């Protein structure tokens, strides 16, 4: 696995993005709490997510007329995995059903996803998250 070399300014910017990203993740978890039958969703990407992806080398290049979205997979009540995807700007991501959201997530996902955990987790929780991603 390659190590990412960031400048001091990039590291400082990532630290400033941590709070907005935490709120976005909590919003995704709230969505899955409201809709317990869902495990996948697609939504418009927030500016903080786009910037974080660009800083860490995980950004995507869009075709003209497309915009940034995020494909999100629910893992546990405390964790979800979000991947950048592009799509037509005139699409309403909230209208996508579970099957379509799952297909988009699977298509966007790398063979070996990177998992970023925030907060304190027990060893059992970490193992459950890793197992859920497989």
Protein backbone atom coordinates (compact mmCIF):
# COMPACT_ATOMS: atom_id res chain seq x y z
CA UNK A 1 0.00 0.00 0.00
CA UNK A 2 1.45 3.36 -0.99
CA UNK A 3 1.95 6.08 1.57
CA UNK A 4 0.50 9.46 0.68
CA UNK A 5 2.86 12.43 1.15
CA UNK A 6 0.93 15.57 2.03
CA UNK A 7 2.26 19.06 2.53
CA UNK A 8 1.76 20.83 5.83
CA UNK A 9 -0.98 22.97 4.24
CA UNK A 10 -2.77 19.86 2.92
CA UNK A 11 -2.64 18.17 6.34
CA UNK A 12 -3.97 21.37 7.97
CA UNK A 13 -6.80 21.53 5.41
CA UNK A 14 -7.72 17.87 6.04
CA UNK A 15 -7.92 18.59 9.76
CA UNK A 16 -10.30 21.50 9.05
CA UNK A 17 -12.45 19.22 6.89
CA UNK A 18 -12.77 16.63 9.69
CA UNK A 19 -15.77 18.28 11.40
CA UNK A 20 -17.84 18.78 8.22
CA UNK A 21 -17.04 15.21 7.16
CA UNK A 22 -18.10 13.90 10.56
CA UNK A 23 -21.44 15.74 10.23
CA UNK A 24 -21.92 14.33 6.71
CA UNK A 25 -21.25 10.79 7.97
CA UNK A 26 -23.71 11.33 10.82
CA UNK A 27 -26.27 12.49 8.26
CA UNK A 28 -25.79 9.25 6.34
CA UNK A 29 -26.17 7.22 9.54
CA UNK A 30 -29.35 9.18 10.38
CA UNK A 31 -30.71 8.35 6.91
CA UNK A 32 -30.15 4.63 7.48
CA UNK A 33 -31.74 4.87 10.95
CA UNK A 34 -34.84 6.46 9.35
CA UNK A 35 -34.92 3.81 6.60
CA UNK A 36 -33.76 0.58 8.29
CA UNK A 37 -34.61 -1.52 5.21
CA UNK A 38 -31.93 0.34 3.20
CA UNK A 39 -28.24 -0.61 3.12
CA UNK A 40 -27.19 1.53 0.13
CA UNK A 41 -27.92 5.05 -1.05
CA UNK A 42 -26.63 7.59 -3.54
CA UNK A 43 -26.62 11.30 -2.74
CA UNK A 44 -25.04 14.50 -3.98
CA UNK A 45 -21.48 14.94 -2.76
CA UNK A 46 -20.70 17.77 -0.37
CA UNK A 47 -17.92 20.23 -1.22
CA UNK A 48 -15.90 18.96 1.79
CA UNK A 49 -16.02 15.37 0.46
CA UNK A 50 -14.90 16.47 -3.00
CA UNK A 51 -12.02 18.47 -1.54
CA UNK A 52 -10.96 15.60 0.75
CA UNK A 53 -10.96 13.17 -2.18
CA UNK A 54 -8.84 15.54 -4.26
CA UNK A 55 -6.35 16.04 -1.40
CA UNK A 56 -5.98 12.31 -0.75
CA UNK A 57 -5.80 11.25 -4.39
CA UNK A 58 -9.25 9.66 -4.44
CA UNK A 59 -10.95 12.25 -6.59
CA UNK A 60 -12.65 11.49 -9.89
CA UNK A 61 -12.64 13.32 -13.21
CA UNK A 62 -16.08 14.19 -14.47
CA UNK A 63 -17.32 14.31 -18.03
CA UNK A 64 -19.01 17.54 -19.16
CA UNK A 65 -22.58 17.75 -17.85
CA UNK A 66 -21.87 15.44 -14.89
CA UNK A 67 -21.61 16.18 -11.20
CA UNK A 68 -20.19 14.60 -8.05
CA UNK A 69 -22.24 12.08 -6.09
CA UNK A 70 -21.43 9.69 -3.25
CA UNK A 71 -22.45 6.04 -3.16
CA UNK A 72 -22.89 5.08 0.50
CA UNK A 73 -23.05 1.64 2.10
CA UNK A 74 -24.34 1.16 5.64
CA UNK A 75 -22.00 -1.02 7.75
CA UNK A 76 -22.97 -0.66 11.41
CA UNK A 77 -24.95 1.89 13.46
CA UNK A 78 -21.64 3.73 13.86
CA UNK A 79 -20.02 3.38 10.43
CA UNK A 80 -20.73 3.64 6.74
CA UNK A 81 -18.53 3.58 3.66
CA UNK A 82 -18.81 6.31 1.05
CA UNK A 83 -17.30 6.26 -2.45
CA UNK A 84 -17.09 9.07 -5.02
CA UNK A 85 -19.08 8.58 -8.23
CA UNK A 86 -20.01 10.82 -11.11
CA UNK A 87 -23.33 11.02 -12.85
CA UNK A 88 -25.61 13.20 -14.91
CA UNK A 89 -26.36 16.54 -13.27
CA UNK A 90 -30.10 16.19 -13.92
CA UNK A 91 -30.43 12.95 -11.93
CA UNK A 92 -32.32 12.89 -8.63
CA UNK A 93 -30.23 10.48 -6.51
CA UNK A 94 -32.97 10.20 -3.88
CA UNK A 95 -35.20 8.51 -6.45
CA UNK A 96 -32.81 5.55 -6.84
CA UNK A 97 -34.00 2.34 -5.25
CA UNK A 98 -31.90 -0.07 -3.15
CA UNK A 99 -30.91 -2.28 -6.10
CA UNK A 100 -29.71 0.62 -8.24
CA UNK A 101 -27.82 2.20 -5.33
CA UNK A 102 -26.14 -1.16 -4.61
CA UNK A 103 -25.14 -1.58 -8.26
CA UNK A 104 -23.66 1.93 -8.37
CA UNK A 105 -21.74 1.30 -5.15
CA UNK A 106 -20.38 -2.05 -6.38
CA UNK A 107 -19.35 -0.52 -9.71
CA UNK A 108 -17.59 2.41 -8.01
CA UNK A 109 -15.81 0.33 -5.39
CA UNK A 110 -12.19 -0.73 -5.63
CA UNK A 111 -11.21 -4.36 -5.20
CA UNK A 112 -9.65 -3.58 -1.80
CA UNK A 113 -11.50 -0.63 -0.22
CA UNK A 114 -9.74 1.66 2.23
CA UNK A 115 -11.57 1.96 5.53
CA UNK A 116 -11.33 5.12 7.61
CA UNK A 117 -12.71 4.91 11.14
CA UNK A 118 -13.52 7.93 13.25
CA UNK A 119 -13.92 7.85 17.00
CA UNK A 120 -13.29 5.03 19.42
CA UNK A 121 -14.14 1.49 18.39
CA UNK A 122 -13.66 -1.81 20.12
CA UNK A 123 -11.73 -4.58 18.42
CA UNK A 124 -14.99 -6.48 17.84
CA UNK A 125 -16.57 -3.44 16.16
CA UNK A 126 -13.57 -3.04 13.86
CA UNK A 127 -13.73 -6.72 12.89
CA UNK A 128 -17.46 -6.40 12.21
CA UNK A 129 -16.87 -3.38 9.97
CA UNK A 130 -14.13 -5.13 8.02
CA UNK A 131 -16.29 -8.23 7.61
CA UNK A 132 -19.25 -6.14 6.42
CA UNK A 133 -17.11 -4.57 3.69
CA UNK A 134 -16.05 -7.95 2.28
